[in-house]
Amino acid sequence: MAQTNVNIRMDESTKKAFDAFCSEIGLSVSSVFNMFAKTVVREQRIPFEISTEVPNKKTITAIENVRKGIGLSKEFHSVSELMEDLNADD
């Protein structure tokens, strides 16, 4: 299959961080972009959620629940106390 070049513009700090990440996982930047493009083509969608909500609705709900004390576990004062509670028959 014939190869072609694609030029991508991004800020320098993002490029350096992305290069470092790719190196750490043992892939080239080119390989990662190819994986991304093939996934988009195969799935016909961006393979991650894109949202203008920061944080998203699920996170906002979780934050509100914590502030209201909803869904929190009880407090444990030792690991053995926690383990006793975990192993208790409810």
PDB file of N, CA and C in Angstrom:
ATOM      1  N   MET A   1       0.848  -1.169   0.000  1.00  0.00           N
ATOM      2  CA  MET A   1       0.000   0.000   0.000  1.00  0.00           C
ATOM      3  C   MET A   1       0.901   1.241   0.000  1.00  0.00           C
ATOM      4  N   ALA A   2       0.576   2.208  -0.802  1.00  0.00           N
ATOM      5  CA  ALA A   2       1.382   3.427  -0.907  1.00  0.00           C
ATOM      6  C   ALA A   2       1.280   4.241   0.376  1.00  0.00           C
ATOM      7  N   GLN A   3       2.374   4.853   0.724  1.00  0.00           N
ATOM      8  CA  GLN A   3       2.439   5.700   1.925  1.00  0.00           C
ATOM      9  C   GLN A   3       2.325   7.165   1.527  1.00  0.00           C
ATOM     10  N   THR A   4       1.825   7.999   2.435  1.00  0.00           N
ATOM     11  CA  THR A   4       1.745   9.440   2.219  1.00  0.00           C
ATOM     12  C   THR A   4       2.078  10.141   3.517  1.00  0.00           C
ATOM     13  N   ASN A   5       2.404  11.408   3.442  1.00  0.00           N
ATOM     14  CA  ASN A   5       2.733  12.188   4.632  1.00  0.00           C
ATOM     15  C   ASN A   5       1.533  13.008   5.077  1.00  0.00           C
ATOM     16  N   VAL A   6       1.411  13.183   6.380  1.00  0.00           N
ATOM     17  CA  VAL A   6       0.396  14.040   6.980  1.00  0.00           C
ATOM     18  C   VAL A   6       1.124  14.966   7.940  1.00  0.00           C
ATOM     19  N   ASN A   7       0.911  16.254   7.822  1.00  0.00           N
ATOM     20  CA  ASN A   7       1.522  17.216   8.738  1.00  0.00           C
ATOM     21  C   ASN A   7       0.492  17.638   9.786  1.00  0.00           C
ATOM     22  N   ILE A   8       0.916  17.626  11.031  1.00  0.00           N
ATOM     23  CA  ILE A   8       0.032  17.995  12.139  1.00  0.00           C
ATOM     24  C   ILE A   8       0.684  19.108  12.923  1.00  0.00           C
ATOM     25  N   ARG A   9      -0.081  20.143  13.213  1.00  0.00           N
ATOM     26  CA  ARG A   9       0.436  21.243  14.015  1.00  0.00           C
ATOM     27  C   ARG A   9      -0.072  21.105  15.446  1.00  0.00           C
ATOM     28  N   MET A  10       0.838  21.269  16.409  1.00  0.00           N
ATOM     29  CA  MET A  10       0.476  21.270  17.827  1.00  0.00           C
ATOM     30  C   MET A  10       1.519  22.071  18.580  1.00  0.00           C
ATOM     31  N   ASP A  11       1.159  22.477  19.793  1.00  0.00           N
ATOM     32  CA  ASP A  11       2.134  23.266  20.551  1.00  0.00           C
ATOM     33  C   ASP A  11       3.303  22.386  20.972  1.00  0.00           C
ATOM     34  N   GLU A  12       4.440  23.028  21.164  1.00  0.00           N
ATOM     35  CA  GLU A  12       5.688  22.316  21.405  1.00  0.00           C
ATOM     36  C   GLU A  12       5.657  21.465  22.669  1.00  0.00           C
ATOM     37  N   SER A  13       5.058  21.987  23.737  1.00  0.00           N
ATOM     38  CA  SER A  13       5.045  21.218  24.991  1.00  0.00           C
ATOM     39  C   SER A  13       4.199  19.946  24.853  1.00  0.00           C
ATOM     40  N   THR A  14       3.082  20.041  24.118  1.00  0.00           N
ATOM     41  CA  THR A  14       2.258  18.848  23.887  1.00  0.00           C
ATOM     42  C   THR A  14       3.026  17.835  23.048  1.00  0.00           C
ATOM     43  N   LYS A  15       3.732  18.304  22.033  1.00  0.00           N
ATOM     44  CA  LYS A  15       4.513  17.402  21.180  1.00  0.00           C
ATOM     45  C   LYS A  15       5.580  16.671  21.985  1.00  0.00           C
ATOM     46  N   LYS A  16       6.293  17.406  22.837  1.00  0.00           N
ATOM     47  CA  LYS A  16       7.338  16.775  23.646  1.00  0.00           C
ATOM     48  C   LYS A  16       6.745  15.734  24.588  1.00  0.00           C
ATOM     49  N   ALA A  17       5.624  16.078  25.230  1.00  0.00           N
ATOM     50  CA  ALA A  17       4.984  15.136  26.147  1.00  0.00           C
ATOM     51  C   ALA A  17       4.472  13.907  25.394  1.00  0.00           C
ATOM     52  N   PHE A  18       3.904  14.130  24.197  1.00  0.00           N
ATOM     53  CA  PHE A  18       3.401  13.023  23.387  1.00  0.00           C
ATOM     54  C   PHE A  18       4.540  12.128  22.913  1.00  0.00           C
ATOM     55  N   ASP A  19       5.635  12.741  22.463  1.00  0.00           N
ATOM     56  CA  ASP A  19       6.829  11.973  22.069  1.00  0.00           C
ATOM     57  C   ASP A  19       7.308  11.100  23.226  1.00  0.00           C
ATOM     58  N   ALA A  20       7.371  11.689  24.412  1.00  0.00           N
ATOM     59  CA  ALA A  20       7.844  10.959  25.591  1.00  0.00           C
ATOM     60  C   ALA A  20       6.918   9.784  25.903  1.00  0.00           C
ATOM     61  N   PHE A  21       5.613  10.035  25.839  1.00  0.00           N
ATOM     62  CA  PHE A  21       4.644   8.970  26.094  1.00  0.00           C
ATOM     63  C   PHE A  21       4.816   7.831  25.092  1.00  0.00           C
ATOM     64  N   CYS A  22       4.877   8.184  23.823  1.00  0.00           N
ATOM     65  CA  CYS A  22       5.030   7.159  22.779  1.00  0.00           C
ATOM     66  C   CYS A  22       6.298   6.340  22.991  1.00  0.00           C
ATOM     67  N   SER A  23       7.386   7.005  23.311  1.00  0.00           N
ATOM     68  CA  SER A  23       8.647   6.296  23.569  1.00  0.00           C
ATOM     69  C   SER A  23       8.502   5.356  24.756  1.00  0.00           C
ATOM     70  N   GLU A  24       7.819   5.828  25.794  1.00  0.00           N
ATOM     71  CA  GLU A  24       7.670   5.021  27.006  1.00  0.00           C
ATOM     72  C   GLU A  24       6.883   3.742  26.742  1.00  0.00           C
ATOM     73  N   ILE A  25       5.901   3.803  25.849  1.00  0.00           N
ATOM     74  CA  ILE A  25       5.121   2.600  25.557  1.00  0.00           C
ATOM     75  C   ILE A  25       5.697   1.808  24.386  1.00  0.00           C
ATOM     76  N   GLY A  26       6.821   2.277  23.846  1.00  0.00           N
ATOM     77  CA  GLY A  26       7.527   1.530  22.810  1.00  0.00           C
ATOM     78  C   GLY A  26       6.964   1.678  21.408  1.00  0.00           C
ATOM     79  N   LEU A  27       6.266   2.783  21.149  1.00  0.00           N
ATOM     80  CA  LEU A  27       5.716   3.032  19.819  1.00  0.00           C
ATOM     81  C   LEU A  27       6.199   4.376  19.299  1.00  0.00           C
ATOM     82  N   SER A  28       6.216   4.507  17.990  1.00  0.00           N
ATOM     83  CA  SER A  28       6.564   5.796  17.399  1.00  0.00           C
ATOM     84  C   SER A  28       5.315   6.665  17.340  1.00  0.00           C
ATOM     85  N   VAL A  29       5.516   7.965  17.219  1.00  0.00           N
ATOM     86  CA  VAL A  29       4.403   8.888  17.052  1.00  0.00           C
ATOM     87  C   VAL A  29       3.604   8.508  15.814  1.00  0.00           C
ATOM     88  N   SER A  30       4.301   8.178  14.749  1.00  0.00           N
ATOM     89  CA  SER A  30       3.650   7.785  13.511  1.00  0.00           C
ATOM     90  C   SER A  30       2.763   6.554  13.711  1.00  0.00           C
ATOM     91  N   SER A  31       3.253   5.577  14.444  1.00  0.00           N
ATOM     92  CA  SER A  31       2.470   4.362  14.704  1.00  0.00           C
ATOM     93  C   SER A  31       1.202   4.677  15.491  1.00  0.00           C
ATOM     94  N   VAL A  32       1.327   5.549  16.480  1.00  0.00           N
ATOM     95  CA  VAL A  32       0.168   5.900  17.303  1.00  0.00           C
ATOM     96  C   VAL A  32      -0.881   6.632  16.480  1.00  0.00           C
ATOM     97  N   PHE A  33      -0.452   7.569  15.644  1.00  0.00           N
ATOM     98  CA  PHE A  33      -1.417   8.271  14.793  1.00  0.00           C
ATOM     99  C   PHE A  33      -2.052   7.317  13.787  1.00  0.00           C
ATOM    100  N   ASN A  34      -1.287   6.375  13.263  1.00  0.00           N
ATOM    101  CA  ASN A  34      -1.858   5.371  12.364  1.00  0.00           C
ATOM    102  C   ASN A  34      -2.894   4.507  13.078  1.00  0.00           C
ATOM    103  N   MET A  35      -2.605   4.117  14.314  1.00  0.00           N
ATOM    104  CA  MET A  35      -3.567   3.339  15.096  1.00  0.00           C
ATOM    105  C   MET A  35      -4.844   4.142  15.307  1.00  0.00           C
ATOM    106  N   PHE A  36      -4.691   5.421  15.636  1.00  0.00           N
ATOM    107  CA  PHE A  36      -5.844   6.291  15.829  1.00  0.00           C
ATOM    108  C   PHE A  36      -6.669   6.377  14.545  1.00  0.00           C
ATOM    109  N   ALA A  37      -6.018   6.655  13.417  1.00  0.00           N
ATOM    110  CA  ALA A  37      -6.721   6.813  12.139  1.00  0.00           C
ATOM    111  C   ALA A  37      -7.437   5.521  11.741  1.00  0.00           C
ATOM    112  N   LYS A  38      -6.790   4.384  11.919  1.00  0.00           N
ATOM    113  CA  LYS A  38      -7.418   3.111  11.555  1.00  0.00           C
ATOM    114  C   LYS A  38      -8.618   2.808  12.438  1.00  0.00           C
ATOM    115  N   THR A  39      -8.530   3.173  13.715  1.00  0.00           N
ATOM    116  CA  THR A  39      -9.659   2.970  14.623  1.00  0.00           C
ATOM    117  C   THR A  39     -10.832   3.851  14.222  1.00  0.00           C
ATOM    118  N   VAL A  40     -10.559   5.112  13.884  1.00  0.00           N
ATOM    119  CA  VAL A  40     -11.614   6.024  13.425  1.00  0.00           C
ATOM    120  C   VAL A  40     -12.295   5.463  12.187  1.00  0.00           C
ATOM    121  N   VAL A  41     -11.506   5.014  11.226  1.00  0.00           N
ATOM    122  CA  VAL A  41     -12.068   4.485   9.978  1.00  0.00           C
ATOM    123  C   VAL A  41     -12.877   3.224  10.250  1.00  0.00           C
ATOM    124  N   ARG A  42     -12.345   2.325  11.055  1.00  0.00           N
ATOM    125  CA  ARG A  42     -13.022   1.052  11.334  1.00  0.00           C
ATOM    126  C   ARG A  42     -14.324   1.262  12.108  1.00  0.00           C
ATOM    127  N   GLU A  43     -14.293   2.132  13.134  1.00  0.00           N
ATOM    128  CA  GLU A  43     -15.457   2.325  14.002  1.00  0.00           C
ATOM    129  C   GLU A  43     -16.374   3.452  13.543  1.00  0.00           C
ATOM    130  N   GLN A  44     -15.899   4.258  12.593  1.00  0.00           N
ATOM    131  CA  GLN A  44     -16.657   5.399  12.087  1.00  0.00           C
ATOM    132  C   GLN A  44     -17.062   6.357  13.212  1.00  0.00           C
ATOM    133  N   ARG A  45     -16.122   6.590  14.111  1.00  0.00           N
ATOM    134  CA  ARG A  45     -16.326   7.516  15.227  1.00  0.00           C
ATOM    135  C   ARG A  45     -14.982   7.862  15.833  1.00  0.00           C
ATOM    136  N   ILE A  46     -14.946   8.970  16.583  1.00  0.00           N
ATOM    137  CA  ILE A  46     -13.755   9.283  17.372  1.00  0.00           C
ATOM    138  C   ILE A  46     -13.743   8.289  18.531  1.00  0.00           C
ATOM    139  N   PRO A  47     -12.652   7.578  18.767  1.00  0.00           N
ATOM    140  CA  PRO A  47     -12.666   6.479  19.740  1.00  0.00           C
ATOM    141  C   PRO A  47     -12.542   6.915  21.206  1.00  0.00           C
ATOM    142  N   PHE A  48     -13.004   8.098  21.516  1.00  0.00           N
ATOM    143  CA  PHE A  48     -13.076   8.553  22.902  1.00  0.00           C
ATOM    144  C   PHE A  48     -14.126   9.638  22.985  1.00  0.00           C
ATOM    145  N   GLU A  49     -14.627   9.879  24.190  1.00  0.00           N
ATOM    146  CA  GLU A  49     -15.679  10.875  24.377  1.00  0.00           C
ATOM    147  C   GLU A  49     -15.120  12.285  24.221  1.00  0.00           C
ATOM    148  N   ILE A  50     -15.841  13.108  23.499  1.00  0.00           N
ATOM    149  CA  ILE A  50     -15.487  14.508  23.356  1.00  0.00           C
ATOM    150  C   ILE A  50     -16.630  15.309  23.956  1.00  0.00           C
ATOM    151  N   SER A  51     -16.301  16.187  24.883  1.00  0.00           N
ATOM    152  CA  SER A  51     -17.351  16.915  25.582  1.00  0.00           C
ATOM    153  C   SER A  51     -16.881  18.313  25.934  1.00  0.00           C
ATOM    154  N   THR A  52     -17.816  19.225  25.992  1.00  0.00           N
ATOM    155  CA  THR A  52     -17.489  20.571  26.449  1.00  0.00           C
ATOM    156  C   THR A  52     -17.678  20.684  27.950  1.00  0.00           C
ATOM    157  N   GLU A  53     -18.245  19.652  28.556  1.00  0.00           N
ATOM    158  CA  GLU A  53     -18.461  19.650  29.996  1.00  0.00           C
ATOM    159  C   GLU A  53     -17.181  19.253  30.720  1.00  0.00           C
ATOM    160  N   VAL A  54     -16.692  20.137  31.538  1.00  0.00           N
ATOM    161  CA  VAL A  54     -15.519  19.824  32.352  1.00  0.00           C
ATOM    162  C   VAL A  54     -15.844  20.223  33.773  1.00  0.00           C
ATOM    163  N   PRO A  55     -16.026  19.350  34.687  1.00  0.00           N
ATOM    164  CA  PRO A  55     -16.081  17.897  34.527  1.00  0.00           C
ATOM    165  C   PRO A  55     -17.398  17.451  33.886  1.00  0.00           C
ATOM    166  N   ASN A  56     -17.452  16.167  33.499  1.00  0.00           N
ATOM    167  CA  ASN A  56     -18.659  15.658  32.852  1.00  0.00           C
ATOM    168  C   ASN A  56     -19.777  15.429  33.872  1.00  0.00           C
ATOM    169  N   LYS A  57     -20.972  15.097  33.381  1.00  0.00           N
ATOM    170  CA  LYS A  57     -22.150  14.952  34.253  1.00  0.00           C
ATOM    171  C   LYS A  57     -21.943  13.907  35.337  1.00  0.00           C
ATOM    172  N   LYS A  58     -21.320  12.800  34.987  1.00  0.00           N
ATOM    173  CA  LYS A  58     -21.097  11.725  35.958  1.00  0.00           C
ATOM    174  C   LYS A  58     -20.201  12.206  37.093  1.00  0.00           C
ATOM    175  N   THR A  59     -19.155  12.949  36.752  1.00  0.00           N
ATOM    176  CA  THR A  59     -18.245  13.480  37.765  1.00  0.00           C
ATOM    177  C   THR A  59     -18.933  14.539  38.621  1.00  0.00           C
ATOM    178  N   ILE A  60     -19.721  15.411  37.992  1.00  0.00           N
ATOM    179  CA  ILE A  60     -20.457  16.437  38.738  1.00  0.00           C
ATOM    180  C   ILE A  60     -21.397  15.787  39.740  1.00  0.00           C
ATOM    181  N   THR A  61     -22.096  14.742  39.316  1.00  0.00           N
ATOM    182  CA  THR A  61     -22.998  14.023  40.219  1.00  0.00           C
ATOM    183  C   THR A  61     -22.228  13.411  41.380  1.00  0.00           C
ATOM    184  N   ALA A  62     -21.080  12.818  41.093  1.00  0.00           N
ATOM    185  CA  ALA A  62     -20.257  12.213  42.151  1.00  0.00           C
ATOM    186  C   ALA A  62     -19.789  13.270  43.142  1.00  0.00           C
ATOM    187  N   ILE A  63     -19.375  14.427  42.653  1.00  0.00           N
ATOM    188  CA  ILE A  63     -18.924  15.518  43.532  1.00  0.00           C
ATOM    189  C   ILE A  63     -20.080  15.982  44.414  1.00  0.00           C
ATOM    190  N   GLU A  64     -21.258  16.168  43.808  1.00  0.00           N
ATOM    191  CA  GLU A  64     -22.428  16.601  44.581  1.00  0.00           C
ATOM    192  C   GLU A  64     -22.793  15.579  45.645  1.00  0.00           C
ATOM    193  N   ASN A  65     -22.729  14.288  45.299  1.00  0.00           N
ATOM    194  CA  ASN A  65     -23.043  13.239  46.270  1.00  0.00           C
ATOM    195  C   ASN A  65     -22.080  13.255  47.445  1.00  0.00           C
ATOM    196  N   VAL A  66     -20.805  13.453  47.179  1.00  0.00           N
ATOM    197  CA  VAL A  66     -19.818  13.514  48.259  1.00  0.00           C
ATOM    198  C   VAL A  66     -20.105  14.708  49.162  1.00  0.00           C
ATOM    199  N   ARG A  67     -20.400  15.845  48.567  1.00  0.00           N
ATOM    200  CA  ARG A  67     -20.709  17.042  49.363  1.00  0.00           C
ATOM    201  C   ARG A  67     -21.941  16.835  50.240  1.00  0.00           C
ATOM    202  N   LYS A  68     -22.900  16.033  49.758  1.00  0.00           N
ATOM    203  CA  LYS A  68     -24.129  15.753  50.512  1.00  0.00           C
ATOM    204  C   LYS A  68     -23.974  14.546  51.436  1.00  0.00           C
ATOM    205  N   GLY A  69     -22.836  13.869  51.339  1.00  0.00           N
ATOM    206  CA  GLY A  69     -22.605  12.688  52.170  1.00  0.00           C
ATOM    207  C   GLY A  69     -23.311  11.443  51.666  1.00  0.00           C
ATOM    208  N   ILE A  70     -23.692  11.436  50.399  1.00  0.00           N
ATOM    209  CA  ILE A  70     -24.413  10.307  49.808  1.00  0.00           C
ATOM    210  C   ILE A  70     -23.417   9.284  49.267  1.00  0.00           C
ATOM    211  N   GLY A  71     -23.625   8.024  49.620  1.00  0.00           N
ATOM    212  CA  GLY A  71     -22.831   6.943  49.054  1.00  0.00           C
ATOM    213  C   GLY A  71     -21.442   6.782  49.639  1.00  0.00           C
ATOM    214  N   LEU A  72     -21.189   7.420  50.771  1.00  0.00           N
ATOM    215  CA  LEU A  72     -19.869   7.298  51.383  1.00  0.00           C
ATOM    216  C   LEU A  72     -19.818   6.077  52.289  1.00  0.00           C
ATOM    217  N   SER A  73     -18.668   5.464  52.403  1.00  0.00           N
ATOM    218  CA  SER A  73     -18.526   4.328  53.307  1.00  0.00           C
ATOM    219  C   SER A  73     -18.284   4.862  54.713  1.00  0.00           C
ATOM    220  N   LYS A  74     -18.433   3.994  55.654  1.00  0.00           N
ATOM    221  CA  LYS A  74     -18.166   4.429  57.018  1.00  0.00           C
ATOM    222  C   LYS A  74     -16.663   4.535  57.249  1.00  0.00           C
ATOM    223  N   GLU A  75     -16.296   5.161  58.322  1.00  0.00           N
ATOM    224  CA  GLU A  75     -14.887   5.392  58.629  1.00  0.00           C
ATOM    225  C   GLU A  75     -14.306   4.193  59.381  1.00  0.00           C
ATOM    226  N   PHE A  76     -13.088   3.821  59.004  1.00  0.00           N
ATOM    227  CA  PHE A  76     -12.387   2.735  59.681  1.00  0.00           C
ATOM    228  C   PHE A  76     -11.124   3.294  60.321  1.00  0.00           C
ATOM    229  N   HIS A  77     -10.794   2.771  61.484  1.00  0.00           N
ATOM    230  CA  HIS A  77      -9.637   3.271  62.228  1.00  0.00           C
ATOM    231  C   HIS A  77      -8.425   2.342  62.137  1.00  0.00           C
ATOM    232  N   SER A  78      -8.608   1.200  61.500  1.00  0.00           N
ATOM    233  CA  SER A  78      -7.485   0.279  61.312  1.00  0.00           C
ATOM    234  C   SER A  78      -7.800  -0.646  60.146  1.00  0.00           C
ATOM    235  N   VAL A  79      -6.759  -1.269  59.630  1.00  0.00           N
ATOM    236  CA  VAL A  79      -6.927  -2.226  58.547  1.00  0.00           C
ATOM    237  C   VAL A  79      -7.725  -3.426  59.039  1.00  0.00           C
ATOM    238  N   SER A  80      -7.457  -3.863  60.262  1.00  0.00           N
ATOM    239  CA  SER A  80      -8.188  -5.024  60.783  1.00  0.00           C
ATOM    240  C   SER A  80      -9.673  -4.718  60.928  1.00  0.00           C
ATOM    241  N   GLU A  81     -10.009  -3.491  61.304  1.00  0.00           N
ATOM    242  CA  GLU A  81     -11.418  -3.082  61.383  1.00  0.00           C
ATOM    243  C   GLU A  81     -12.069  -3.112  59.994  1.00  0.00           C
ATOM    244  N   LEU A  82     -11.350  -2.625  59.009  1.00  0.00           N
ATOM    245  CA  LEU A  82     -11.847  -2.658  57.629  1.00  0.00           C
ATOM    246  C   LEU A  82     -12.044  -4.095  57.167  1.00  0.00           C
ATOM    247  N   MET A  83     -11.047  -4.939  57.396  1.00  0.00           N
ATOM    248  CA  MET A  83     -11.135  -6.336  56.962  1.00  0.00           C
ATOM    249  C   MET A  83     -12.273  -7.067  57.669  1.00  0.00           C
ATOM    250  N   GLU A  84     -12.474  -6.782  58.940  1.00  0.00           N
ATOM    251  CA  GLU A  84     -13.576  -7.387  59.688  1.00  0.00           C
ATOM    252  C   GLU A  84     -14.918  -7.007  59.044  1.00  0.00           C
ATOM    253  N   ASP A  85     -15.051  -5.755  58.664  1.00  0.00           N
ATOM    254  CA  ASP A  85     -16.283  -5.294  58.021  1.00  0.00           C
ATOM    255  C   ASP A  85     -16.454  -5.930  56.655  1.00  0.00           C
ATOM    256  N   LEU A  86     -15.370  -6.033  55.888  1.00  0.00           N
ATOM    257  CA  LEU A  86     -15.444  -6.645  54.561  1.00  0.00           C
ATOM    258  C   LEU A  86     -15.827  -8.112  54.620  1.00  0.00           C
ATOM    259  N   ASN A  87     -15.365  -8.802  55.641  1.00  0.00           N
ATOM    260  CA  ASN A  87     -15.625 -10.243  55.761  1.00  0.00           C
ATOM    261  C   ASN A  87     -16.903 -10.557  56.503  1.00  0.00           C
ATOM    262  N   ALA A  88     -17.591  -9.549  57.004  1.00  0.00           N
ATOM    263  CA  ALA A  88     -18.832  -9.773  57.771  1.00  0.00           C
ATOM    264  C   ALA A  88     -19.938 -10.222  56.842  1.00  0.00           C
ATOM    265  N   ASP A  89     -20.765 -11.098  57.327  1.00  0.00           N
ATOM    266  CA  ASP A  89     -21.955 -11.517  56.570  1.00  0.00           C
ATOM    267  C   ASP A  89     -23.023 -10.464  56.766  1.00  0.00           C
ATOM    268  N   ASP A  90     -23.518  -9.943  55.656  1.00  0.00           N
ATOM    269  CA  ASP A  90     -24.559  -8.904  55.753  1.00  0.00           C
ATOM    270  C   ASP A  90     -25.933  -9.508  55.782  1.00  0.00           C
TER     271      ASP A  90
END
